[in-house]
Amino acid sequence: MQTIDVMMLDGAALHRSVPPERWCVTRKDLAQFRRLVRSCVAEGSITPTMLDPFDLTDELIGPCVHTVNSQLIQPVTAKAGNVSWALMLHPDGLSCDVFITHCWQEGIYEFIDKVLNSWPHGTRHAYCCMLSNPQNLDIADLIGSPRDSPFAKALLLAPYMLVIPN
């Protein structure tokens, strides 16, 4: 896998101290993430599976979010201390302007392209579950009460919501 420099953090402690509505990424982060996934596919560290037989040469749809999560997000964020991708990049968090909802079966390139092309003018930070939630931690406590879940807290504060179809 492409070498990614990460700072070692305490994911559990960080996700307790930074409010969920601040577990956000920037538009630039998403564009960089797309390039990183493409690079990982090209070098063979993200590969097709029985459940996701994506075309290695396709640059429009790409591997599904499940595949990207298991083959990129989880390994990298585990090395960073089990933090989310968003807090790995921005340990103090970023205020939520946009809440993104999507399907994990969709292709990551198509998803990111749709988000970047639909990004509301004047907004800076987005909550996107695959990057915002800590994928290596047991989040059962976080979603035990839907009203108090990270999703609900981010959605409540976000002035914009993007629903990305696949």
Protein backbone atom coordinates (compact mmCIF):
# COMPACT_ATOMS: atom_id res chain seq x y z
CA MET A 1 0.00 0.00 0.00
CA GLN A 2 1.11 3.54 -0.68
CA THR A 3 2.90 4.97 2.36
CA ILE A 4 0.67 7.37 4.24
CA ASP A 5 2.23 9.38 7.02
CA VAL A 6 -0.07 9.38 10.02
CA MET A 7 0.25 10.81 13.48
CA MET A 8 -0.50 8.30 16.26
CA LEU A 9 -3.65 9.37 18.10
CA ASP A 10 -5.92 7.80 20.70
CA GLY A 11 -9.03 7.29 18.61
CA ALA A 12 -11.36 6.37 21.45
CA ALA A 13 -10.33 9.37 23.57
CA LEU A 14 -10.39 11.75 20.61
CA HIS A 15 -13.88 10.67 19.56
CA ARG A 16 -15.07 11.19 23.13
CA SER A 17 -13.57 14.68 23.34
CA VAL A 18 -14.41 16.07 19.89
CA PRO A 19 -18.17 16.45 19.31
CA PRO A 20 -19.49 14.26 16.45
CA GLU A 21 -20.71 17.26 14.51
CA ARG A 22 -17.02 18.19 14.14
CA TRP A 23 -15.94 14.85 12.61
CA CYS A 24 -15.74 16.44 9.17
CA VAL A 25 -13.61 16.55 6.03
CA THR A 26 -13.04 19.28 3.47
CA ARG A 27 -13.75 19.29 -0.24
CA LYS A 28 -9.98 19.15 -0.78
CA ASP A 29 -9.75 16.10 1.53
CA LEU A 30 -12.31 14.27 -0.64
CA ALA A 31 -10.45 15.12 -3.84
CA GLN A 32 -7.19 13.89 -2.29
CA PHE A 33 -8.94 10.75 -1.04
CA ARG A 34 -10.11 9.96 -4.58
CA ARG A 35 -6.53 10.29 -5.85
CA LEU A 36 -5.28 8.08 -3.02
CA VAL A 37 -7.85 5.35 -3.77
CA ARG A 38 -6.96 5.47 -7.47
CA SER A 39 -3.27 5.12 -6.58
CA CYS A 40 -3.98 2.18 -4.26
CA VAL A 41 -6.01 0.44 -6.97
CA ALA A 42 -3.21 1.02 -9.50
CA GLU A 43 -0.55 -0.42 -7.19
CA GLY A 44 -2.72 -3.36 -6.12
CA SER A 45 -3.39 -2.57 -2.46
CA ILE A 46 -7.12 -2.20 -3.18
CA THR A 47 -8.29 -5.24 -5.13
CA PRO A 48 -11.57 -6.72 -6.35
CA THR A 49 -13.34 -9.20 -4.09
CA MET A 50 -16.09 -11.79 -4.57
CA LEU A 51 -18.59 -9.20 -3.31
CA ASP A 52 -17.05 -6.32 -5.27
CA PRO A 53 -15.58 -7.48 -8.58
CA PHE A 54 -14.88 -3.92 -9.74
CA ASP A 55 -12.95 -3.24 -12.94
CA LEU A 56 -9.36 -2.25 -12.15
CA THR A 57 -9.21 -0.06 -15.26
CA ASP A 58 -12.46 1.81 -14.57
CA GLU A 59 -11.94 5.37 -13.37
CA LEU A 60 -15.60 6.42 -13.30
CA ILE A 61 -17.25 4.06 -10.77
CA GLY A 62 -14.43 2.42 -8.80
CA PRO A 63 -14.48 -0.01 -5.89
CA CYS A 64 -17.46 0.15 -3.54
CA VAL A 65 -17.27 1.92 -0.19
CA HIS A 66 -17.21 -1.44 1.67
CA THR A 67 -14.06 -2.43 -0.22
CA VAL A 68 -12.39 0.95 0.29
CA ASN A 69 -13.27 0.82 3.97
CA SER A 70 -11.83 -2.64 4.57
CA GLN A 71 -8.77 -2.28 2.33
CA LEU A 72 -7.80 1.36 2.93
CA ILE A 73 -9.70 3.27 5.63
CA GLN A 74 -9.52 0.62 8.36
CA PRO A 75 -5.82 -0.30 7.89
CA VAL A 76 -4.65 3.33 7.73
CA THR A 77 -6.77 4.56 10.64
CA ALA A 78 -5.76 1.53 12.74
CA LYS A 79 -2.13 2.63 12.37
CA ALA A 80 -3.20 6.14 13.41
CA GLY A 81 -4.70 4.86 16.70
CA ASN A 82 -8.20 3.78 15.60
CA VAL A 83 -9.30 7.30 14.85
CA SER A 84 -11.69 8.22 12.03
CA TRP A 85 -10.23 9.44 8.74
CA ALA A 86 -11.69 12.89 9.44
CA LEU A 87 -10.08 13.23 12.88
CA MET A 88 -6.86 11.66 11.61
CA LEU A 89 -6.64 14.65 9.24
CA HIS A 90 -8.17 17.25 11.57
CA PRO A 91 -7.72 16.17 15.23
CA ASP A 92 -9.52 19.27 16.55
CA GLY A 93 -12.43 18.66 14.19
CA LEU A 94 -14.13 20.99 11.72
CA SER A 95 -17.59 22.54 12.03
CA CYS A 96 -20.22 20.76 9.95
CA ASP A 97 -21.69 22.65 6.98
CA VAL A 98 -22.83 19.66 4.91
CA PHE A 99 -24.24 16.27 5.89
CA ILE A 100 -23.70 13.63 3.20
CA THR A 101 -25.83 10.50 3.03
CA HIS A 102 -25.08 7.68 0.61
CA CYS A 103 -25.04 3.94 0.01
CA TRP A 104 -21.95 1.88 0.79
CA GLN A 105 -22.51 -0.30 -2.28
CA GLU A 106 -21.76 2.58 -4.63
CA GLY A 107 -18.45 3.08 -6.39
CA ILE A 108 -16.13 5.46 -4.58
CA TYR A 109 -15.06 7.46 -7.66
CA GLU A 110 -18.65 8.04 -8.71
CA PHE A 111 -19.58 8.97 -5.15
CA ILE A 112 -16.75 11.48 -4.70
CA ASP A 113 -17.30 13.00 -8.15
CA LYS A 114 -21.01 13.52 -7.38
CA VAL A 115 -20.18 15.10 -4.01
CA LEU A 116 -17.56 17.41 -5.49
CA ASN A 117 -19.90 18.45 -8.31
CA SER A 118 -22.79 19.06 -5.88
CA TRP A 119 -20.84 20.72 -3.06
CA PRO A 120 -22.90 23.70 -1.87
CA HIS A 121 -21.25 27.04 -2.61
CA GLY A 122 -19.75 28.71 0.45
CA THR A 123 -19.60 25.57 2.59
CA ARG A 124 -16.34 24.17 3.89
CA HIS A 125 -16.76 20.95 5.87
CA ALA A 126 -18.79 17.77 5.44
CA TYR A 127 -19.80 14.89 7.65
CA CYS A 128 -19.59 11.66 5.66
CA CYS A 129 -20.03 8.49 7.73
CA MET A 130 -17.31 6.39 6.07
CA LEU A 131 -14.73 9.09 6.82
CA SER A 132 -16.32 10.67 9.90
CA ASN A 133 -17.09 7.65 12.05
CA PRO A 134 -14.27 5.62 13.63
CA GLN A 135 -14.34 2.47 11.47
CA ASN A 136 -12.15 0.41 13.82
CA LEU A 137 -13.95 1.18 17.07
CA ASP A 138 -17.12 -0.45 18.33
CA ILE A 139 -19.59 2.32 17.65
CA ALA A 140 -22.54 0.47 19.20
CA ASP A 141 -22.52 2.98 22.08
CA LEU A 142 -22.57 5.84 19.59
CA ILE A 143 -25.62 4.59 17.72
CA GLY A 144 -27.51 2.99 20.62
CA SER A 145 -29.86 5.95 20.72
CA PRO A 146 -30.55 7.21 17.18
CA ARG A 147 -31.47 10.67 18.47
CA ASP A 148 -28.08 10.98 20.18
CA SER A 149 -26.04 9.32 17.41
CA PRO A 150 -23.20 11.09 15.58
CA PHE A 151 -25.41 11.09 12.47
CA ALA A 152 -28.22 12.93 14.26
CA LYS A 153 -25.88 15.48 15.85
CA ALA A 154 -24.17 16.31 12.57
CA LEU A 155 -27.46 16.40 10.65
CA LEU A 156 -29.01 18.71 13.22
CA LEU A 157 -26.26 21.31 12.81
CA ALA A 158 -25.58 21.03 9.09
CA PRO A 159 -27.28 23.75 7.06
CA TYR A 160 -27.05 21.53 3.94
CA MET A 161 -27.66 17.87 3.24
CA LEU A 162 -26.44 16.04 0.15
CA VAL A 163 -28.22 12.81 -0.76
CA ILE A 164 -25.93 10.99 -3.19
CA PRO A 165 -27.68 8.38 -5.36
CA ASN A 166 -25.80 5.46 -6.82
